[in-house]
PDB file of N, CA and C in Angstrom:
ATOM      1  N   MET A   1      26.889 -10.541  -9.546  1.00  0.00           N
ATOM      2  CA  MET A   1      25.205 -11.000  -9.852  1.00  0.00           C
ATOM      3  C   MET A   1      24.308 -11.078  -8.600  1.00  0.00           C
ATOM      4  N   THR A   2      24.902 -11.957  -7.629  1.00  0.00           N
ATOM      5  CA  THR A   2      24.135 -12.021  -6.450  1.00  0.00           C
ATOM      6  C   THR A   2      24.209 -10.912  -5.673  1.00  0.00           C
ATOM      7  N   TYR A   3      25.193 -10.125  -5.698  1.00  0.00           N
ATOM      8  CA  TYR A   3      25.017  -8.720  -4.831  1.00  0.00           C
ATOM      9  C   TYR A   3      24.017  -7.857  -5.494  1.00  0.00           C
ATOM     10  N   THR A   4      23.871  -7.826  -6.944  1.00  0.00           N
ATOM     11  CA  THR A   4      22.744  -7.213  -7.425  1.00  0.00           C
ATOM     12  C   THR A   4      21.344  -7.584  -7.249  1.00  0.00           C
ATOM     13  N   ILE A   5      21.182  -8.599  -7.058  1.00  0.00           N
ATOM     14  CA  ILE A   5      19.857  -9.287  -6.807  1.00  0.00           C
ATOM     15  C   ILE A   5      19.278  -9.171  -5.655  1.00  0.00           C
ATOM     16  N   LEU A   6      20.489  -9.210  -4.691  1.00  0.00           N
ATOM     17  CA  LEU A   6      19.978  -9.100  -3.179  1.00  0.00           C
ATOM     18  C   LEU A   6      19.502  -7.512  -2.811  1.00  0.00           C
ATOM     19  N   GLN A   7      20.758  -6.714  -3.623  1.00  0.00           N
ATOM     20  CA  GLN A   7      20.138  -5.239  -3.341  1.00  0.00           C
ATOM     21  C   GLN A   7      18.986  -4.949  -3.789  1.00  0.00           C
ATOM     22  N   LEU A   8      18.681  -5.512  -5.257  1.00  0.00           N
ATOM     23  CA  LEU A   8      17.199  -5.205  -5.573  1.00  0.00           C
ATOM     24  C   LEU A   8      16.128  -5.789  -4.849  1.00  0.00           C
ATOM     25  N   SER A   9      16.226  -6.928  -4.244  1.00  0.00           N
ATOM     26  CA  SER A   9      15.092  -7.569  -3.177  1.00  0.00           C
ATOM     27  C   SER A   9      15.079  -6.435  -2.199  1.00  0.00           C
ATOM     28  N   ILE A  10      16.142  -6.182  -1.616  1.00  0.00           N
ATOM     29  CA  ILE A  10      16.077  -5.095  -0.399  1.00  0.00           C
ATOM     30  C   ILE A  10      15.323  -3.981  -0.690  1.00  0.00           C
ATOM     31  N   HIS A  11      15.621  -3.369  -1.896  1.00  0.00           N
ATOM     32  CA  HIS A  11      14.785  -2.336  -2.340  1.00  0.00           C
ATOM     33  C   HIS A  11      13.464  -2.487  -2.471  1.00  0.00           C
ATOM     34  N   LEU A  12      12.952  -3.446  -3.239  1.00  0.00           N
ATOM     35  CA  LEU A  12      11.636  -3.896  -3.401  1.00  0.00           C
ATOM     36  C   LEU A  12      10.939  -4.135  -2.177  1.00  0.00           C
ATOM     37  N   LEU A  13      11.594  -5.059  -1.159  1.00  0.00           N
ATOM     38  CA  LEU A  13      10.806  -5.245   0.263  1.00  0.00           C
ATOM     39  C   LEU A  13      10.718  -3.915   0.773  1.00  0.00           C
ATOM     40  N   CYS A  14      11.529  -3.215   1.014  1.00  0.00           N
ATOM     41  CA  CYS A  14      11.336  -1.725   1.642  1.00  0.00           C
ATOM     42  C   CYS A  14      10.396  -0.904   1.119  1.00  0.00           C
ATOM     43  N   ILE A  15      10.283  -0.752  -0.104  1.00  0.00           N
ATOM     44  CA  ILE A  15       9.199   0.005  -0.743  1.00  0.00           C
ATOM     45  C   ILE A  15       7.809  -0.385  -0.564  1.00  0.00           C
ATOM     46  N   ALA A  16       7.641  -2.039  -0.363  1.00  0.00           N
ATOM     47  CA  ALA A  16       6.629  -2.680  -0.227  1.00  0.00           C
ATOM     48  C   ALA A  16       6.264  -2.255   1.192  1.00  0.00           C
ATOM     49  N   VAL A  17       6.930  -2.339   2.396  1.00  0.00           N
ATOM     50  CA  VAL A  17       6.667  -2.125   3.536  1.00  0.00           C
ATOM     51  C   VAL A  17       6.446  -0.765   3.647  1.00  0.00           C
ATOM     52  N   SER A  18       7.127   0.021   2.936  1.00  0.00           N
ATOM     53  CA  SER A  18       6.855   1.479   3.250  1.00  0.00           C
ATOM     54  C   SER A  18       5.448   1.939   2.544  1.00  0.00           C
ATOM     55  N   PHE A  19       5.051   1.389   1.588  1.00  0.00           N
ATOM     56  CA  PHE A  19       3.731   1.428   0.861  1.00  0.00           C
ATOM     57  C   PHE A  19       2.721   0.986   2.060  1.00  0.00           C
ATOM     58  N   PHE A  20       2.769  -0.293   2.578  1.00  0.00           N
ATOM     59  CA  PHE A  20       1.976  -0.576   3.564  1.00  0.00           C
ATOM     60  C   PHE A  20       1.827   0.366   4.569  1.00  0.00           C
ATOM     61  N   ALA A  21       3.042   0.553   5.033  1.00  0.00           N
ATOM     62  CA  ALA A  21       2.767   1.852   6.328  1.00  0.00           C
ATOM     63  C   ALA A  21       2.262   3.114   6.055  1.00  0.00           C
ATOM     64  N   LEU A  22       2.667   3.739   4.924  1.00  0.00           N
ATOM     65  CA  LEU A  22       1.957   4.937   4.104  1.00  0.00           C
ATOM     66  C   LEU A  22       0.313   4.779   3.804  1.00  0.00           C
ATOM     67  N   SER A  23      -0.084   3.508   3.689  1.00  0.00           N
ATOM     68  CA  SER A  23      -1.229   3.602   3.424  1.00  0.00           C
ATOM     69  C   SER A  23      -2.546   3.983   4.209  1.00  0.00           C
ATOM     70  N   CYS A  24      -1.989   3.806   5.740  1.00  0.00           N
ATOM     71  CA  CYS A  24      -2.709   3.956   6.707  1.00  0.00           C
ATOM     72  C   CYS A  24      -2.855   5.636   6.524  1.00  0.00           C
ATOM     73  N   ILE A  25      -2.025   6.548   6.053  1.00  0.00           N
ATOM     74  CA  ILE A  25      -2.500   8.003   6.119  1.00  0.00           C
ATOM     75  C   ILE A  25      -3.625   8.421   5.234  1.00  0.00           C
ATOM     76  N   LYS A  26      -4.358   9.395   5.784  1.00  0.00           N
ATOM     77  CA  LYS A  26      -5.294   9.661   5.084  1.00  0.00           C
ATOM     78  C   LYS A  26      -4.858  10.917   4.328  1.00  0.00           C
ATOM     79  N   PHE A  27      -4.484  10.748   2.998  1.00  0.00           N
ATOM     80  CA  PHE A  27      -4.043  11.769   2.172  1.00  0.00           C
ATOM     81  C   PHE A  27      -5.076  12.722   1.401  1.00  0.00           C
ATOM     82  N   ASP A  28      -6.397  12.060   1.614  1.00  0.00           N
ATOM     83  CA  ASP A  28      -7.419  12.952   1.156  1.00  0.00           C
ATOM     84  C   ASP A  28      -7.880  13.808   1.985  1.00  0.00           C
ATOM     85  N   ARG A  29      -7.279  14.021   3.303  1.00  0.00           N
ATOM     86  CA  ARG A  29      -7.767  15.187   4.057  1.00  0.00           C
ATOM     87  C   ARG A  29      -6.710  16.300   3.528  1.00  0.00           C
ATOM     88  N   PHE A  30      -5.649  16.052   2.971  1.00  0.00           N
ATOM     89  CA  PHE A  30      -4.727  16.918   2.567  1.00  0.00           C
ATOM     90  C   PHE A  30      -4.719  17.404   1.321  1.00  0.00           C
ATOM     91  N   CYS A  31      -5.393  16.512   0.311  1.00  0.00           N
ATOM     92  CA  CYS A  31      -5.423  16.862  -1.325  1.00  0.00           C
ATOM     93  C   CYS A  31      -6.988  17.106  -1.780  1.00  0.00           C
ATOM     94  N   ASP A  32      -6.951  17.194  -2.769  1.00  0.00           N
ATOM     95  CA  ASP A  32      -8.514  17.458  -3.282  1.00  0.00           C
ATOM     96  C   ASP A  32      -9.208  16.253  -3.517  1.00  0.00           C
ATOM     97  N   VAL A  33     -10.397  15.671  -2.926  1.00  0.00           N
ATOM     98  CA  VAL A  33     -10.806  14.295  -3.089  1.00  0.00           C
ATOM     99  C   VAL A  33     -11.203  14.294  -4.614  1.00  0.00           C
ATOM    100  N   LYS A  34     -11.451  15.083  -5.140  1.00  0.00           N
ATOM    101  CA  LYS A  34     -12.056  14.848  -6.734  1.00  0.00           C
ATOM    102  C   LYS A  34     -11.000  14.273  -7.429  1.00  0.00           C
ATOM    103  N   LYS A  35      -9.727  14.319  -7.203  1.00  0.00           N
ATOM    104  CA  LYS A  35      -8.723  13.916  -7.951  1.00  0.00           C
ATOM    105  C   LYS A  35      -7.986  12.507  -7.523  1.00  0.00           C
ATOM    106  N   PRO A  36      -8.405  11.311  -7.306  1.00  0.00           N
ATOM    107  CA  PRO A  36      -8.036  10.056  -6.397  1.00  0.00           C
ATOM    108  C   PRO A  36      -6.933   9.740  -7.301  1.00  0.00           C
ATOM    109  N   MET A  37      -6.579   9.596  -8.465  1.00  0.00           N
ATOM    110  CA  MET A  37      -5.384   9.332  -9.043  1.00  0.00           C
ATOM    111  C   MET A  37      -4.242   9.932  -8.718  1.00  0.00           C
ATOM    112  N   LYS A  38      -4.374  11.184  -8.428  1.00  0.00           N
ATOM    113  CA  LYS A  38      -3.236  12.107  -8.082  1.00  0.00           C
ATOM    114  C   LYS A  38      -2.725  11.717  -6.575  1.00  0.00           C
ATOM    115  N   ILE A  39      -3.748  11.265  -5.660  1.00  0.00           N
ATOM    116  CA  ILE A  39      -3.478  10.959  -4.489  1.00  0.00           C
ATOM    117  C   ILE A  39      -2.708   9.739  -4.247  1.00  0.00           C
ATOM    118  N   GLN A  40      -3.200   8.841  -5.274  1.00  0.00           N
ATOM    119  CA  GLN A  40      -2.503   7.408  -5.374  1.00  0.00           C
ATOM    120  C   GLN A  40      -0.910   7.763  -5.870  1.00  0.00           C
ATOM    121  N   ALA A  41      -0.789   8.554  -6.966  1.00  0.00           N
ATOM    122  CA  ALA A  41       0.401   8.758  -7.427  1.00  0.00           C
ATOM    123  C   ALA A  41       1.255   9.417  -6.357  1.00  0.00           C
ATOM    124  N   LEU A  42       0.736  10.282  -5.375  1.00  0.00           N
ATOM    125  CA  LEU A  42       1.424  10.837  -4.128  1.00  0.00           C
ATOM    126  C   LEU A  42       1.884   9.525  -3.316  1.00  0.00           C
ATOM    127  N   LEU A  43       0.936   8.684  -3.000  1.00  0.00           N
ATOM    128  CA  LEU A  43       1.288   7.614  -2.073  1.00  0.00           C
ATOM    129  C   LEU A  43       2.339   6.824  -2.585  1.00  0.00           C
ATOM    130  N   ILE A  44       2.276   6.227  -4.169  1.00  0.00           N
ATOM    131  CA  ILE A  44       3.474   5.600  -4.659  1.00  0.00           C
ATOM    132  C   ILE A  44       4.765   6.107  -4.731  1.00  0.00           C
ATOM    133  N   LEU A  45       4.748   7.777  -4.916  1.00  0.00           N
ATOM    134  CA  LEU A  45       5.898   8.285  -5.009  1.00  0.00           C
ATOM    135  C   LEU A  45       6.195   8.358  -3.651  1.00  0.00           C
ATOM    136  N   CYS A  46       5.670   8.673  -2.693  1.00  0.00           N
ATOM    137  CA  CYS A  46       6.405   8.779  -1.115  1.00  0.00           C
ATOM    138  C   CYS A  46       6.974   7.604  -0.794  1.00  0.00           C
ATOM    139  N   SER A  47       6.076   6.427  -0.936  1.00  0.00           N
ATOM    140  CA  SER A  47       6.545   5.234  -0.619  1.00  0.00           C
ATOM    141  C   SER A  47       7.938   4.701  -1.451  1.00  0.00           C
ATOM    142  N   MET A  48       8.210   5.354  -2.674  1.00  0.00           N
ATOM    143  CA  MET A  48       9.098   4.715  -3.277  1.00  0.00           C
ATOM    144  C   MET A  48      10.283   5.575  -2.606  1.00  0.00           C
ATOM    145  N   ALA A  49      10.047   6.835  -2.519  1.00  0.00           N
ATOM    146  CA  ALA A  49      11.106   7.534  -1.841  1.00  0.00           C
ATOM    147  C   ALA A  49      11.515   7.048  -0.340  1.00  0.00           C
ATOM    148  N   LEU A  50      10.290   6.926   0.545  1.00  0.00           N
ATOM    149  CA  LEU A  50      10.902   6.024   1.790  1.00  0.00           C
ATOM    150  C   LEU A  50      11.641   4.861   1.717  1.00  0.00           C
ATOM    151  N   GLY A  51      11.166   4.010   0.780  1.00  0.00           N
ATOM    152  CA  GLY A  51      11.469   2.689   0.944  1.00  0.00           C
ATOM    153  C   GLY A  51      13.172   2.688   0.193  1.00  0.00           C
ATOM    154  N   TYR A  52      13.257   3.752  -0.706  1.00  0.00           N
ATOM    155  CA  TYR A  52      14.956   3.833  -1.080  1.00  0.00           C
ATOM    156  C   TYR A  52      15.745   4.423  -0.077  1.00  0.00           C
ATOM    157  N   LEU A  53      15.209   5.264   0.611  1.00  0.00           N
ATOM    158  CA  LEU A  53      16.139   5.607   1.838  1.00  0.00           C
ATOM    159  C   LEU A  53      16.230   4.683   2.960  1.00  0.00           C
ATOM    160  N   VAL A  54      15.418   3.721   3.085  1.00  0.00           N
ATOM    161  CA  VAL A  54      15.163   2.873   4.336  1.00  0.00           C
ATOM    162  C   VAL A  54      16.407   1.450   3.921  1.00  0.00           C
ATOM    163  N   ALA A  55      16.238   1.463   2.102  1.00  0.00           N
ATOM    164  CA  ALA A  55      17.187   0.204   1.749  1.00  0.00           C
ATOM    165  C   ALA A  55      18.512   0.905   1.825  1.00  0.00           C
ATOM    166  N   GLN A  56      18.653   2.041   1.488  1.00  0.00           N
ATOM    167  CA  GLN A  56      20.113   2.577   1.676  1.00  0.00           C
ATOM    168  C   GLN A  56      20.669   2.662   2.970  1.00  0.00           C
ATOM    169  N   LEU A  57      19.737   2.986   4.130  1.00  0.00           N
ATOM    170  CA  LEU A  57      20.501   2.941   5.544  1.00  0.00           C
ATOM    171  C   LEU A  57      20.733   1.412   5.519  1.00  0.00           C
ATOM    172  N   ILE A  58      19.800   0.567   5.358  1.00  0.00           N
ATOM    173  CA  ILE A  58      20.212  -0.922   5.920  1.00  0.00           C
ATOM    174  C   ILE A  58      21.218  -1.309   5.135  1.00  0.00           C
ATOM    175  N   MET A  59      21.611  -1.037   4.054  1.00  0.00           N
ATOM    176  CA  MET A  59      22.796  -1.723   3.166  1.00  0.00           C
ATOM    177  C   MET A  59      24.176  -0.974   3.779  1.00  0.00           C
ATOM    178  N   THR A  60      24.015   0.394   4.160  1.00  0.00           N
ATOM    179  CA  THR A  60      25.042   1.228   4.811  1.00  0.00           C
ATOM    180  C   THR A  60      25.288   0.574   6.056  1.00  0.00           C
ATOM    181  N   LEU A  61      24.517   0.118   6.836  1.00  0.00           N
ATOM    182  CA  LEU A  61      24.863  -0.414   8.120  1.00  0.00           C
ATOM    183  C   LEU A  61      24.918  -1.771   8.303  1.00  0.00           C
ATOM    184  N   THR A  62      24.943  -2.638   7.195  1.00  0.00           N
ATOM    185  CA  THR A  62      25.199  -3.928   7.227  1.00  0.00           C
ATOM    186  C   THR A  62      26.390  -4.210   6.455  1.00  0.00           C
ATOM    187  N   ILE A  63      26.477  -5.563   6.069  1.00  0.00           N
ATOM    188  CA  ILE A  63      27.720  -5.989   5.583  1.00  0.00           C
ATOM    189  C   ILE A  63      27.825  -5.496   3.797  1.00  0.00           C
ATOM    190  N   PHE A  64      26.830  -4.971   3.608  1.00  0.00           N
ATOM    191  CA  PHE A  64      26.989  -4.380   2.045  1.00  0.00           C
ATOM    192  C   PHE A  64      27.853  -3.226   1.892  1.00  0.00           C
ATOM    193  N   ASN A  65      28.159  -2.738   2.813  1.00  0.00           N
ATOM    194  CA  ASN A  65      28.974  -1.299   2.401  1.00  0.00           C
ATOM    195  C   ASN A  65      30.640  -1.530   2.105  1.00  0.00           C
ATOM    196  N   GLY A  66      30.775  -2.712   2.173  1.00  0.00           N
ATOM    197  CA  GLY A  66      32.147  -3.071   1.353  1.00  0.00           C
ATOM    198  C   GLY A  66      33.252  -3.412   2.288  1.00  0.00           C
ATOM    199  N   LEU A  67      32.918  -3.414   3.529  1.00  0.00           N
ATOM    200  CA  LEU A  67      34.058  -3.457   4.660  1.00  0.00           C
ATOM    201  C   LEU A  67      34.518  -5.176   4.640  1.00  0.00           C
TER     202      LEU A  67
END
């Protein structure tokens, strides 16, 4: 139970940090400015993917790898 809560909190923290980091990138330069909802969806999906990868890396490199 504790492991699951800790794992979920690490994932959410990494997603929040990656969202904060990716928010400085001007995605409107790469996408159509007339559709801001799609740009926001792209930002959210990219931050979720990056946050998941960083959380997996952190959990693999720390004590959570089962050793």
